Amino acid sequence: MRRGKTRTLSRTVTARVKYQGSCHCGRVSFELDAKLDYVVECNCSLCRRLGALWHGASDSSLRITAGENELVLYQFNTMTAKHYSCRHCGVHPFSRPRLDPSRWAVNVRCIDGVDLSSLPLRHFDGVNWEETAKALYAQRK
Protein backbone atom coordinates (compact mmCIF):
# COMPACT_ATOMS: atom_id res chain seq x y z
CA MET A 1 0.00 0.00 0.00
CA ARG A 2 1.35 3.42 -0.87
CA ARG A 3 1.93 5.98 1.81
CA GLY A 4 -0.84 8.53 2.26
CA LYS A 5 -3.62 6.29 0.98
CA THR A 6 -5.85 4.35 3.30
CA ARG A 7 -8.35 1.66 2.70
CA THR A 8 -11.39 1.36 4.88
CA LEU A 9 -13.48 -1.68 5.48
CA SER A 10 -17.22 -1.34 5.44
CA ARG A 11 -19.03 -2.72 8.48
CA THR A 12 -20.26 -5.42 6.11
CA VAL A 13 -16.98 -7.24 6.06
CA THR A 14 -15.62 -10.40 4.59
CA ALA A 15 -13.30 -10.97 7.56
CA ARG A 16 -14.04 -11.53 11.22
CA VAL A 17 -14.41 -8.30 13.21
CA LYS A 18 -14.88 -7.67 16.93
CA TYR A 19 -18.19 -5.87 17.45
CA GLN A 20 -19.54 -4.16 20.56
CA GLY A 21 -23.20 -4.38 21.49
CA SER A 22 -25.62 -3.80 24.32
CA CYS A 23 -29.22 -3.66 25.40
CA HIS A 24 -30.99 -0.27 25.29
CA CYS A 25 -30.11 0.87 28.83
CA GLY A 26 -26.53 -0.39 28.53
CA ARG A 27 -26.57 -2.58 31.64
CA VAL A 28 -25.98 -5.65 29.46
CA SER A 29 -23.08 -5.37 27.04
CA PHE A 30 -21.19 -7.87 24.92
CA GLU A 31 -18.48 -8.40 22.34
CA LEU A 32 -19.00 -10.50 19.24
CA ASP A 33 -16.16 -11.77 17.07
CA ALA A 34 -17.90 -12.51 13.78
CA LYS A 35 -18.06 -12.26 10.03
CA LEU A 36 -21.39 -10.45 9.66
CA ASP A 37 -22.23 -11.37 6.10
CA TYR A 38 -25.98 -11.96 6.60
CA VAL A 39 -28.80 -11.74 9.15
CA VAL A 40 -31.70 -14.11 9.77
CA GLU A 41 -35.27 -12.99 10.18
CA CYS A 42 -37.55 -15.51 11.88
CA ASN A 43 -41.34 -15.20 11.78
CA CYS A 44 -42.11 -17.37 14.83
CA SER A 45 -44.54 -16.00 17.41
CA LEU A 46 -41.74 -14.46 19.50
CA CYS A 47 -39.25 -13.23 16.88
CA ARG A 48 -41.85 -11.43 14.78
CA ARG A 49 -42.92 -9.52 17.87
CA LEU A 50 -39.33 -8.70 18.83
CA GLY A 51 -38.32 -7.57 15.35
CA ALA A 52 -34.91 -9.12 15.92
CA LEU A 53 -32.42 -9.89 13.16
CA TRP A 54 -30.22 -12.79 14.21
CA HIS A 55 -26.70 -13.99 13.47
CA GLY A 56 -25.31 -17.27 14.80
CA ALA A 57 -22.29 -17.39 17.09
CA SER A 58 -20.28 -19.95 19.02
CA ASP A 59 -19.49 -19.74 22.73
CA SER A 60 -15.96 -18.65 21.90
CA SER A 61 -17.09 -15.74 19.69
CA LEU A 62 -19.61 -14.15 22.10
CA ARG A 63 -18.50 -12.63 25.38
CA ILE A 64 -20.84 -10.93 27.84
CA THR A 65 -18.77 -8.02 29.14
CA ALA A 66 -21.25 -6.59 31.66
CA GLY A 67 -24.63 -7.30 33.19
CA GLU A 68 -24.92 -11.07 32.98
CA ASN A 69 -26.78 -10.92 36.31
CA GLU A 70 -29.22 -8.40 34.74
CA LEU A 71 -30.49 -10.95 32.20
CA VAL A 72 -33.87 -12.61 32.51
CA LEU A 73 -34.57 -15.98 30.90
CA TYR A 74 -37.75 -16.63 28.91
CA GLN A 75 -38.72 -20.05 27.55
CA PHE A 76 -41.88 -21.37 25.92
CA ASN A 77 -43.32 -24.32 23.99
CA THR A 78 -40.63 -27.07 24.02
CA MET A 79 -38.55 -25.12 26.58
CA THR A 80 -35.44 -25.82 24.47
CA ALA A 81 -34.58 -22.30 23.32
CA LYS A 82 -33.40 -19.82 25.93
CA HIS A 83 -34.30 -16.20 25.21
CA TYR A 84 -32.44 -13.62 27.28
CA SER A 85 -33.55 -10.05 27.86
CA CYS A 86 -32.41 -7.20 30.09
CA ARG A 87 -34.54 -7.07 33.24
CA HIS A 88 -34.50 -3.24 33.10
CA CYS A 89 -35.15 -2.20 29.49
CA GLY A 90 -36.55 -5.47 28.09
CA VAL A 91 -34.27 -5.67 25.03
CA HIS A 92 -33.32 -9.18 23.83
CA PRO A 93 -29.63 -9.13 22.86
CA PHE A 94 -29.19 -12.88 22.35
CA SER A 95 -30.65 -16.34 22.74
CA ARG A 96 -29.77 -20.02 22.67
CA PRO A 97 -31.86 -21.11 19.68
CA ARG A 98 -33.94 -24.26 19.57
CA LEU A 99 -32.29 -25.18 16.27
CA ASP A 100 -28.92 -25.57 18.05
CA PRO A 101 -28.95 -24.70 21.79
CA SER A 102 -25.17 -25.15 22.02
CA ARG A 103 -24.76 -21.94 19.95
CA TRP A 104 -25.90 -18.35 20.33
CA ALA A 105 -28.17 -16.25 18.15
CA VAL A 106 -27.15 -12.62 18.55
CA ASN A 107 -29.62 -9.84 17.81
CA VAL A 108 -27.66 -7.76 15.27
CA ARG A 109 -29.95 -4.79 16.01
CA CYS A 110 -28.12 -4.59 19.37
CA ILE A 111 -24.66 -4.23 17.77
CA ASP A 112 -23.17 -0.75 17.39
CA GLY A 113 -22.30 0.62 13.96
CA VAL A 114 -23.75 -2.08 11.73
CA ASP A 115 -25.46 -1.00 8.51
CA LEU A 116 -28.33 -3.47 8.51
CA SER A 117 -29.52 -2.38 5.08
CA SER A 118 -26.28 -3.66 3.55
CA LEU A 119 -26.59 -7.19 4.94
CA PRO A 120 -28.36 -9.97 3.01
CA LEU A 121 -31.51 -11.14 4.74
CA ARG A 122 -32.21 -14.86 5.15
CA HIS A 123 -35.68 -15.96 6.18
CA PHE A 124 -36.40 -18.73 8.66
CA ASP A 125 -40.01 -19.92 8.64
CA GLY A 126 -40.50 -20.27 12.39
CA VAL A 127 -44.28 -20.49 11.98
CA ASN A 128 -43.65 -23.90 10.39
CA TRP A 129 -40.68 -24.64 12.61
CA GLU A 130 -40.65 -28.45 12.41
CA GLU A 131 -40.70 -28.59 8.60
CA THR A 132 -38.21 -25.74 8.25
CA ALA A 133 -35.77 -27.28 10.74
CA LYS A 134 -36.05 -30.70 9.08
CA ALA A 135 -35.25 -29.18 5.66
CA LEU A 136 -32.33 -27.19 7.09
CA TYR A 137 -30.85 -30.26 8.82
CA ALA A 138 -31.16 -32.26 5.57
CA GLN A 139 -29.47 -29.45 3.65
CA ARG A 140 -26.51 -29.49 6.07
CA LYS A 141 -25.84 -33.23 5.57
C-alpha atoms as a PDB file:
ATOM      1  CA  MET A   1       0.000   0.000   0.000  1.00  0.00           C
ATOM      2  CA  ARG A   2       1.349   3.416  -0.872  1.00  0.00           C
ATOM      3  CA  ARG A   3       1.930   5.979   1.807  1.00  0.00           C
ATOM      4  CA  GLY A   4      -0.839   8.531   2.264  1.00  0.00           C
ATOM      5  CA  LYS A   5      -3.622   6.287   0.975  1.00  0.00           C
ATOM      6  CA  THR A   6      -5.849   4.352   3.298  1.00  0.00           C
ATOM      7  CA  ARG A   7      -8.354   1.660   2.699  1.00  0.00           C
ATOM      8  CA  THR A   8     -11.393   1.363   4.877  1.00  0.00           C
ATOM      9  CA  LEU A   9     -13.476  -1.676   5.484  1.00  0.00           C
ATOM     10  CA  SER A  10     -17.220  -1.336   5.444  1.00  0.00           C
ATOM     11  CA  ARG A  11     -19.029  -2.717   8.477  1.00  0.00           C
ATOM     12  CA  THR A  12     -20.256  -5.420   6.105  1.00  0.00           C
ATOM     13  CA  VAL A  13     -16.978  -7.241   6.064  1.00  0.00           C
ATOM     14  CA  THR A  14     -15.623 -10.399   4.592  1.00  0.00           C
ATOM     15  CA  ALA A  15     -13.301 -10.972   7.562  1.00  0.00           C
ATOM     16  CA  ARG A  16     -14.043 -11.528  11.224  1.00  0.00           C
ATOM     17  CA  VAL A  17     -14.413  -8.303  13.210  1.00  0.00           C
ATOM     18  CA  LYS A  18     -14.876  -7.674  16.931  1.00  0.00           C
ATOM     19  CA  TYR A  19     -18.187  -5.869  17.447  1.00  0.00           C
ATOM     20  CA  GLN A  20     -19.541  -4.165  20.560  1.00  0.00           C
ATOM     21  CA  GLY A  21     -23.197  -4.383  21.494  1.00  0.00           C
ATOM     22  CA  SER A  22     -25.625  -3.803  24.321  1.00  0.00           C
ATOM     23  CA  CYS A  23     -29.216  -3.658  25.403  1.00  0.00           C
ATOM     24  CA  HIS A  24     -30.994  -0.271  25.287  1.00  0.00           C
ATOM     25  CA  CYS A  25     -30.114   0.866  28.831  1.00  0.00           C
ATOM     26  CA  GLY A  26     -26.531  -0.386  28.534  1.00  0.00           C
ATOM     27  CA  ARG A  27     -26.569  -2.578  31.642  1.00  0.00           C
ATOM     28  CA  VAL A  28     -25.981  -5.654  29.464  1.00  0.00           C
ATOM     29  CA  SER A  29     -23.080  -5.372  27.043  1.00  0.00           C
ATOM     30  CA  PHE A  30     -21.194  -7.867  24.919  1.00  0.00           C
ATOM     31  CA  GLU A  31     -18.484  -8.404  22.338  1.00  0.00           C
ATOM     32  CA  LEU A  32     -19.004 -10.505  19.243  1.00  0.00           C
ATOM     33  CA  ASP A  33     -16.162 -11.766  17.067  1.00  0.00           C
ATOM     34  CA  ALA A  34     -17.903 -12.512  13.775  1.00  0.00           C
ATOM     35  CA  LYS A  35     -18.063 -12.265  10.032  1.00  0.00           C
ATOM     36  CA  LEU A  36     -21.390 -10.447   9.662  1.00  0.00           C
ATOM     37  CA  ASP A  37     -22.234 -11.371   6.102  1.00  0.00           C
ATOM     38  CA  TYR A  38     -25.979 -11.955   6.603  1.00  0.00           C
ATOM     39  CA  VAL A  39     -28.796 -11.744   9.147  1.00  0.00           C
ATOM     40  CA  VAL A  40     -31.696 -14.111   9.772  1.00  0.00           C
ATOM     41  CA  GLU A  41     -35.274 -12.990  10.183  1.00  0.00           C
ATOM     42  CA  CYS A  42     -37.554 -15.508  11.882  1.00  0.00           C
ATOM     43  CA  ASN A  43     -41.338 -15.205  11.778  1.00  0.00           C
ATOM     44  CA  CYS A  44     -42.108 -17.367  14.834  1.00  0.00           C
ATOM     45  CA  SER A  45     -44.542 -16.003  17.409  1.00  0.00           C
ATOM     46  CA  LEU A  46     -41.743 -14.460  19.498  1.00  0.00           C
ATOM     47  CA  CYS A  47     -39.253 -13.230  16.885  1.00  0.00           C
ATOM     48  CA  ARG A  48     -41.846 -11.429  14.778  1.00  0.00           C
ATOM     49  CA  ARG A  49     -42.925  -9.518  17.868  1.00  0.00           C
ATOM     50  CA  LEU A  50     -39.332  -8.699  18.826  1.00  0.00           C
ATOM     51  CA  GLY A  51     -38.321  -7.570  15.346  1.00  0.00           C
ATOM     52  CA  ALA A  52     -34.910  -9.123  15.920  1.00  0.00           C
ATOM     53  CA  LEU A  53     -32.419  -9.892  13.162  1.00  0.00           C
ATOM     54  CA  TRP A  54     -30.218 -12.794  14.207  1.00  0.00           C
ATOM     55  CA  HIS A  55     -26.704 -13.992  13.468  1.00  0.00           C
ATOM     56  CA  GLY A  56     -25.312 -17.272  14.799  1.00  0.00           C
ATOM     57  CA  ALA A  57     -22.290 -17.386  17.087  1.00  0.00           C
ATOM     58  CA  SER A  58     -20.276 -19.945  19.019  1.00  0.00           C
ATOM     59  CA  ASP A  59     -19.490 -19.743  22.733  1.00  0.00           C
ATOM     60  CA  SER A  60     -15.956 -18.650  21.904  1.00  0.00           C
ATOM     61  CA  SER A  61     -17.092 -15.745  19.687  1.00  0.00           C
ATOM     62  CA  LEU A  62     -19.610 -14.146  22.096  1.00  0.00           C
ATOM     63  CA  ARG A  63     -18.499 -12.627  25.380  1.00  0.00           C
ATOM     64  CA  ILE A  64     -20.837 -10.928  27.838  1.00  0.00           C
ATOM     65  CA  THR A  65     -18.765  -8.017  29.143  1.00  0.00           C
ATOM     66  CA  ALA A  66     -21.246  -6.587  31.661  1.00  0.00           C
ATOM     67  CA  GLY A  67     -24.626  -7.301  33.192  1.00  0.00           C
ATOM     68  CA  GLU A  68     -24.920 -11.068  32.983  1.00  0.00           C
ATOM     69  CA  ASN A  69     -26.775 -10.922  36.308  1.00  0.00           C
ATOM     70  CA  GLU A  70     -29.215  -8.404  34.741  1.00  0.00           C
ATOM     71  CA  LEU A  71     -30.488 -10.953  32.199  1.00  0.00           C
ATOM     72  CA  VAL A  72     -33.873 -12.607  32.507  1.00  0.00           C
ATOM     73  CA  LEU A  73     -34.566 -15.983  30.899  1.00  0.00           C
ATOM     74  CA  TYR A  74     -37.750 -16.635  28.912  1.00  0.00           C
ATOM     75  CA  GLN A  75     -38.723 -20.050  27.551  1.00  0.00           C
ATOM     76  CA  PHE A  76     -41.884 -21.370  25.920  1.00  0.00           C
ATOM     77  CA  ASN A  77     -43.319 -24.324  23.992  1.00  0.00           C
ATOM     78  CA  THR A  78     -40.633 -27.069  24.020  1.00  0.00           C
ATOM     79  CA  MET A  79     -38.546 -25.122  26.580  1.00  0.00           C
ATOM     80  CA  THR A  80     -35.438 -25.822  24.467  1.00  0.00           C
ATOM     81  CA  ALA A  81     -34.580 -22.303  23.318  1.00  0.00           C
ATOM     82  CA  LYS A  82     -33.405 -19.825  25.932  1.00  0.00           C
ATOM     83  CA  HIS A  83     -34.297 -16.204  25.214  1.00  0.00           C
ATOM     84  CA  TYR A  84     -32.443 -13.618  27.280  1.00  0.00           C
ATOM     85  CA  SER A  85     -33.546 -10.047  27.864  1.00  0.00           C
ATOM     86  CA  CYS A  86     -32.411  -7.201  30.091  1.00  0.00           C
ATOM     87  CA  ARG A  87     -34.539  -7.065  33.235  1.00  0.00           C
ATOM     88  CA  HIS A  88     -34.496  -3.244  33.103  1.00  0.00           C
ATOM     89  CA  CYS A  89     -35.151  -2.201  29.488  1.00  0.00           C
ATOM     90  CA  GLY A  90     -36.553  -5.470  28.090  1.00  0.00           C
ATOM     91  CA  VAL A  91     -34.266  -5.672  25.035  1.00  0.00           C
ATOM     92  CA  HIS A  92     -33.323  -9.178  23.830  1.00  0.00           C
ATOM     93  CA  PRO A  93     -29.626  -9.125  22.857  1.00  0.00           C
ATOM     94  CA  PHE A  94     -29.185 -12.876  22.349  1.00  0.00           C
ATOM     95  CA  SER A  95     -30.653 -16.337  22.742  1.00  0.00           C
ATOM     96  CA  ARG A  96     -29.767 -20.019  22.675  1.00  0.00           C
ATOM     97  CA  PRO A  97     -31.864 -21.113  19.683  1.00  0.00           C
ATOM     98  CA  ARG A  98     -33.943 -24.261  19.569  1.00  0.00           C
ATOM     99  CA  LEU A  99     -32.292 -25.182  16.273  1.00  0.00           C
ATOM    100  CA  ASP A 100     -28.923 -25.572  18.055  1.00  0.00           C
ATOM    101  CA  PRO A 101     -28.948 -24.697  21.788  1.00  0.00           C
ATOM    102  CA  SER A 102     -25.174 -25.145  22.017  1.00  0.00           C
ATOM    103  CA  ARG A 103     -24.762 -21.942  19.953  1.00  0.00           C
ATOM    104  CA  TRP A 104     -25.900 -18.346  20.334  1.00  0.00           C
ATOM    105  CA  ALA A 105     -28.168 -16.252  18.154  1.00  0.00           C
ATOM    106  CA  VAL A 106     -27.145 -12.617  18.546  1.00  0.00           C
ATOM    107  CA  ASN A 107     -29.624  -9.837  17.811  1.00  0.00           C
ATOM    108  CA  VAL A 108     -27.665  -7.763  15.271  1.00  0.00           C
ATOM    109  CA  ARG A 109     -29.946  -4.794  16.011  1.00  0.00           C
ATOM    110  CA  CYS A 110     -28.117  -4.589  19.372  1.00  0.00           C
ATOM    111  CA  ILE A 111     -24.661  -4.228  17.768  1.00  0.00           C
ATOM    112  CA  ASP A 112     -23.175  -0.751  17.390  1.00  0.00           C
ATOM    113  CA  GLY A 113     -22.302   0.618  13.958  1.00  0.00           C
ATOM    114  CA  VAL A 114     -23.749  -2.084  11.727  1.00  0.00           C
ATOM    115  CA  ASP A 115     -25.457  -0.997   8.509  1.00  0.00           C
ATOM    116  CA  LEU A 116     -28.330  -3.473   8.510  1.00  0.00           C
ATOM    117  CA  SER A 117     -29.522  -2.383   5.077  1.00  0.00           C
ATOM    118  CA  SER A 118     -26.283  -3.659   3.548  1.00  0.00           C
ATOM    119  CA  LEU A 119     -26.594  -7.192   4.938  1.00  0.00           C
ATOM    120  CA  PRO A 120     -28.358  -9.965   3.005  1.00  0.00           C
ATOM    121  CA  LEU A 121     -31.512 -11.144   4.745  1.00  0.00           C
ATOM    122  CA  ARG A 122     -32.211 -14.857   5.148  1.00  0.00           C
ATOM    123  CA  HIS A 123     -35.682 -15.957   6.177  1.00  0.00           C
ATOM    124  CA  PHE A 124     -36.395 -18.730   8.663  1.00  0.00           C
ATOM    125  CA  ASP A 125     -40.008 -19.922   8.642  1.00  0.00           C
ATOM    126  CA  GLY A 126     -40.498 -20.273  12.386  1.00  0.00           C
ATOM    127  CA  VAL A 127     -44.275 -20.488  11.977  1.00  0.00           C
ATOM    128  CA  ASN A 128     -43.652 -23.899  10.386  1.00  0.00           C
ATOM    129  CA  TRP A 129     -40.678 -24.643  12.611  1.00  0.00           C
ATOM    130  CA  GLU A 130     -40.650 -28.451  12.410  1.00  0.00           C
ATOM    131  CA  GLU A 131     -40.704 -28.591   8.601  1.00  0.00           C
ATOM    132  CA  THR A 132     -38.206 -25.740   8.246  1.00  0.00           C
ATOM    133  CA  ALA A 133     -35.772 -27.282  10.737  1.00  0.00           C
ATOM    134  CA  LYS A 134     -36.049 -30.696   9.081  1.00  0.00           C
ATOM    135  CA  ALA A 135     -35.250 -29.177   5.660  1.00  0.00           C
ATOM    136  CA  LEU A 136     -32.330 -27.193   7.086  1.00  0.00           C
ATOM    137  CA  TYR A 137     -30.849 -30.263   8.823  1.00  0.00           C
ATOM    138  CA  ALA A 138     -31.164 -32.262   5.574  1.00  0.00           C
ATOM    139  CA  GLN A 139     -29.469 -29.449   3.646  1.00  0.00           C
ATOM    140  CA  ARG A 140     -26.506 -29.485   6.074  1.00  0.00           C
ATOM    141  CA  LYS A 141     -25.842 -33.229   5.572  1.00  0.00           C
END
